[in-house]
Structures are given as C-alpha cells and as structure tokens.
N, C-alpha and C. Protein backbone atom coordinates (compact mmCIF):
# COMPACT_ATOMS: atom_id res chain seq x y z
N MET A 1 -24.61 9.69 23.11
CA MET A 1 -25.52 10.03 22.00
C MET A 1 -25.80 11.53 22.00
N ASN A 2 -26.03 12.09 20.84
CA ASN A 2 -26.32 13.48 20.69
C ASN A 2 -27.58 13.62 19.84
N LEU A 3 -28.07 14.83 19.74
CA LEU A 3 -29.33 15.05 19.00
C LEU A 3 -29.14 15.58 17.60
N GLU A 4 -27.96 16.01 17.24
CA GLU A 4 -27.76 16.48 15.88
C GLU A 4 -26.37 16.20 15.40
N SER A 5 -26.19 16.15 14.11
CA SER A 5 -24.90 15.73 13.54
C SER A 5 -23.76 16.70 13.85
N GLY A 6 -24.05 17.95 14.06
CA GLY A 6 -22.98 18.92 14.45
C GLY A 6 -22.27 18.56 15.70
N MET A 7 -22.97 17.90 16.63
CA MET A 7 -22.39 17.44 17.89
C MET A 7 -21.41 16.31 17.62
N VAL A 8 -21.71 15.47 16.64
CA VAL A 8 -20.80 14.39 16.25
C VAL A 8 -19.56 14.98 15.60
N ASP A 9 -19.74 15.96 14.82
CA ASP A 9 -18.59 16.62 14.22
C ASP A 9 -17.66 17.23 15.22
N ALA A 10 -18.23 17.61 16.38
CA ALA A 10 -17.47 18.24 17.44
C ALA A 10 -16.87 17.20 18.44
N GLY A 11 -17.05 15.89 18.14
CA GLY A 11 -16.43 14.87 18.95
C GLY A 11 -17.38 13.91 19.63
N GLY A 12 -18.72 14.18 19.55
CA GLY A 12 -19.69 13.25 20.14
C GLY A 12 -19.61 11.89 19.45
N LEU A 13 -20.10 10.84 20.11
CA LEU A 13 -19.99 9.50 19.60
C LEU A 13 -20.93 9.28 18.40
N ALA A 14 -22.24 9.50 18.62
CA ALA A 14 -23.21 9.18 17.55
C ALA A 14 -24.49 9.91 17.77
N THR A 15 -25.27 10.04 16.71
CA THR A 15 -26.58 10.61 16.79
C THR A 15 -27.48 9.99 15.73
N TYR A 16 -28.74 9.92 16.04
CA TYR A 16 -29.73 9.55 15.05
C TYR A 16 -30.70 10.76 15.05
N GLY A 17 -30.50 11.63 14.10
CA GLY A 17 -31.25 12.89 14.17
C GLY A 17 -31.73 13.40 12.87
N ILE A 18 -32.09 14.66 12.92
CA ILE A 18 -32.76 15.32 11.81
C ILE A 18 -31.81 15.51 10.59
N ASP A 19 -32.37 15.21 9.43
CA ASP A 19 -31.70 15.53 8.17
C ASP A 19 -32.20 16.92 7.81
N TYR A 20 -31.38 17.97 8.00
CA TYR A 20 -31.88 19.33 7.83
C TYR A 20 -32.22 19.64 6.40
N TYR A 21 -31.62 19.00 5.44
CA TYR A 21 -32.02 19.18 4.02
C TYR A 21 -33.49 18.74 3.83
N LYS A 22 -33.82 17.56 4.34
CA LYS A 22 -35.17 17.04 4.20
C LYS A 22 -36.15 17.93 4.94
N LEU A 23 -35.78 18.43 6.13
CA LEU A 23 -36.66 19.30 6.88
C LEU A 23 -36.90 20.62 6.15
N GLY A 24 -35.86 21.17 5.55
CA GLY A 24 -36.00 22.39 4.75
C GLY A 24 -36.86 22.19 3.55
N TYR A 25 -36.72 21.01 2.90
CA TYR A 25 -37.58 20.71 1.75
C TYR A 25 -39.03 20.66 2.15
N MET A 26 -39.31 20.02 3.30
CA MET A 26 -40.66 19.95 3.80
C MET A 26 -41.22 21.34 4.08
N ALA A 27 -40.40 22.19 4.70
CA ALA A 27 -40.81 23.56 4.97
C ALA A 27 -41.08 24.32 3.72
N GLY A 28 -40.32 24.13 2.68
CA GLY A 28 -40.54 24.75 1.38
C GLY A 28 -41.83 24.30 0.77
N GLN A 29 -42.16 23.05 0.88
CA GLN A 29 -43.44 22.53 0.34
C GLN A 29 -44.60 23.14 1.08
N MET A 30 -44.45 23.33 2.39
CA MET A 30 -45.50 23.99 3.14
C MET A 30 -45.67 25.45 2.77
N ALA A 31 -44.52 26.11 2.50
CA ALA A 31 -44.53 27.53 2.06
C ALA A 31 -45.29 27.67 0.73
N ILE A 32 -45.09 26.72 -0.17
CA ILE A 32 -45.80 26.76 -1.46
C ILE A 32 -47.26 26.66 -1.23
N GLN A 33 -47.69 25.77 -0.34
CA GLN A 33 -49.11 25.59 -0.06
C GLN A 33 -49.71 26.92 0.50
N ILE A 34 -48.96 27.64 1.29
CA ILE A 34 -49.44 28.89 1.88
C ILE A 34 -49.41 30.04 0.85
N LEU A 35 -48.24 30.22 0.20
CA LEU A 35 -48.03 31.37 -0.65
C LEU A 35 -48.63 31.25 -2.04
N VAL A 36 -48.62 30.04 -2.57
CA VAL A 36 -49.13 29.87 -3.97
C VAL A 36 -50.57 29.37 -3.94
N ASP A 37 -50.84 28.39 -3.08
CA ASP A 37 -52.18 27.78 -3.07
C ASP A 37 -53.14 28.51 -2.17
N GLY A 38 -52.65 29.45 -1.36
CA GLY A 38 -53.51 30.22 -0.47
C GLY A 38 -54.05 29.50 0.72
N LYS A 39 -53.38 28.39 1.09
CA LYS A 39 -53.81 27.63 2.26
C LYS A 39 -53.57 28.41 3.51
N ASP A 40 -54.50 28.26 4.49
CA ASP A 40 -54.39 28.93 5.80
C ASP A 40 -53.47 28.13 6.70
N PRO A 41 -52.32 28.71 7.16
CA PRO A 41 -51.39 27.93 7.97
C PRO A 41 -52.03 27.39 9.26
N ALA A 42 -53.04 28.11 9.77
CA ALA A 42 -53.67 27.69 11.03
C ALA A 42 -54.42 26.36 10.86
N THR A 43 -54.77 26.00 9.61
CA THR A 43 -55.49 24.76 9.38
C THR A 43 -54.58 23.63 8.93
N MET A 44 -53.34 23.90 8.74
CA MET A 44 -52.38 22.91 8.27
C MET A 44 -51.86 22.06 9.41
N PRO A 45 -51.63 20.75 9.18
CA PRO A 45 -51.07 19.93 10.23
C PRO A 45 -49.61 20.32 10.50
N ILE A 46 -49.14 20.08 11.66
CA ILE A 46 -47.73 20.27 12.01
C ILE A 46 -46.88 19.27 11.23
N GLY A 47 -45.82 19.77 10.57
CA GLY A 47 -44.94 18.89 9.82
C GLY A 47 -43.79 18.38 10.67
N TYR A 48 -43.42 17.17 10.46
CA TYR A 48 -42.30 16.59 11.15
C TYR A 48 -41.70 15.45 10.30
N LEU A 49 -40.47 15.12 10.57
CA LEU A 49 -39.84 14.03 9.87
C LEU A 49 -40.08 12.74 10.63
N SER A 50 -40.42 11.72 9.90
CA SER A 50 -40.60 10.39 10.54
C SER A 50 -39.23 9.79 10.81
N ILE A 51 -39.19 8.77 11.62
CA ILE A 51 -37.94 8.17 12.02
C ILE A 51 -37.12 7.63 10.80
N ASP A 52 -37.81 7.18 9.77
CA ASP A 52 -37.11 6.67 8.61
C ASP A 52 -36.51 7.78 7.77
N GLN A 53 -36.88 9.06 8.02
CA GLN A 53 -36.32 10.19 7.31
C GLN A 53 -35.13 10.84 8.09
N CYS A 54 -34.80 10.28 9.24
CA CYS A 54 -33.70 10.78 10.03
C CYS A 54 -32.42 10.05 9.55
N GLU A 55 -31.29 10.55 10.04
CA GLU A 55 -30.01 9.95 9.60
C GLU A 55 -29.13 9.62 10.79
N LEU A 56 -28.35 8.58 10.64
CA LEU A 56 -27.38 8.16 11.64
C LEU A 56 -26.02 8.76 11.29
N SER A 57 -25.44 9.42 12.27
CA SER A 57 -24.11 9.97 12.14
C SER A 57 -23.20 9.37 13.24
N VAL A 58 -22.06 8.87 12.88
CA VAL A 58 -21.14 8.23 13.82
C VAL A 58 -19.78 8.86 13.67
N ASN A 59 -19.15 9.18 14.82
CA ASN A 59 -17.78 9.71 14.81
C ASN A 59 -16.89 8.50 15.09
N LYS A 60 -16.26 8.00 14.00
CA LYS A 60 -15.44 6.79 14.11
C LYS A 60 -14.23 6.98 15.00
N ALA A 61 -13.66 8.18 14.97
CA ALA A 61 -12.49 8.47 15.80
C ALA A 61 -12.83 8.38 17.28
N THR A 62 -14.00 8.90 17.65
CA THR A 62 -14.45 8.83 19.04
C THR A 62 -14.74 7.42 19.43
N ALA A 63 -15.38 6.67 18.53
CA ALA A 63 -15.70 5.27 18.81
C ALA A 63 -14.39 4.45 19.02
N GLU A 64 -13.41 4.71 18.17
CA GLU A 64 -12.14 3.98 18.35
C GLU A 64 -11.47 4.33 19.69
N ALA A 65 -11.51 5.60 20.01
CA ALA A 65 -10.90 6.06 21.29
C ALA A 65 -11.60 5.41 22.50
N LEU A 66 -12.88 5.18 22.38
CA LEU A 66 -13.66 4.53 23.46
C LEU A 66 -13.71 3.01 23.31
N LYS A 67 -13.04 2.49 22.26
CA LYS A 67 -13.06 1.06 21.97
C LYS A 67 -14.46 0.47 21.82
N ILE A 68 -15.27 1.21 21.03
CA ILE A 68 -16.62 0.81 20.77
C ILE A 68 -16.71 0.37 19.28
N ASP A 69 -17.24 -0.80 19.07
CA ASP A 69 -17.44 -1.32 17.67
C ASP A 69 -18.78 -0.82 17.15
N VAL A 70 -18.70 0.09 16.19
CA VAL A 70 -19.90 0.67 15.60
C VAL A 70 -20.26 0.06 14.25
N SER A 71 -19.59 -0.99 13.89
CA SER A 71 -19.77 -1.59 12.52
C SER A 71 -21.22 -2.10 12.34
N LYS A 72 -21.91 -2.47 13.39
CA LYS A 72 -23.26 -2.97 13.25
C LYS A 72 -24.34 -1.88 13.26
N LEU A 73 -23.94 -0.64 13.51
CA LEU A 73 -24.90 0.44 13.58
C LEU A 73 -25.36 0.83 12.19
N GLN A 74 -24.53 0.71 11.22
CA GLN A 74 -24.89 1.18 9.87
C GLN A 74 -25.36 0.05 9.05
C-alpha cells in the first residue's frame, strides 16, 4: 500500500489516498473566506478530506504480477 496515487503510477500496488483536486478546491474555498470575506485564518478550523472524499487507486499490472485479485476492492 502507498499513500498517494503517484506511487501507484510508479508501480506500487494500491493506495487509498487524497484526491488532490478536491483538496485544492477546499483550499480555494478557504482562500475566498480569507481574501473576500475577511475571515481571520487563525480562527478557522483546520480543513481536511474525510475518508469518503479520498480515492482508491490500483495498479492492475502490479496486482497481476503478484497474483492478487483486486476485483473486490472497487
């Protein structure tokens, strides 16, 4: 298992990790609150993606080479 999809692209078996598009969108929403709405960043809660906002990435070639059935993962 790996922590990000780039590792799967490089040959890792699988990861359940951050969707960077969603994380960037969240950061943009926070920037709007600071820059447009004048919110103080020191008073804002820390933003994070919940587990249901993360994504599963599987390298099927690696799974086949290791003879692992990943059909039930997705």
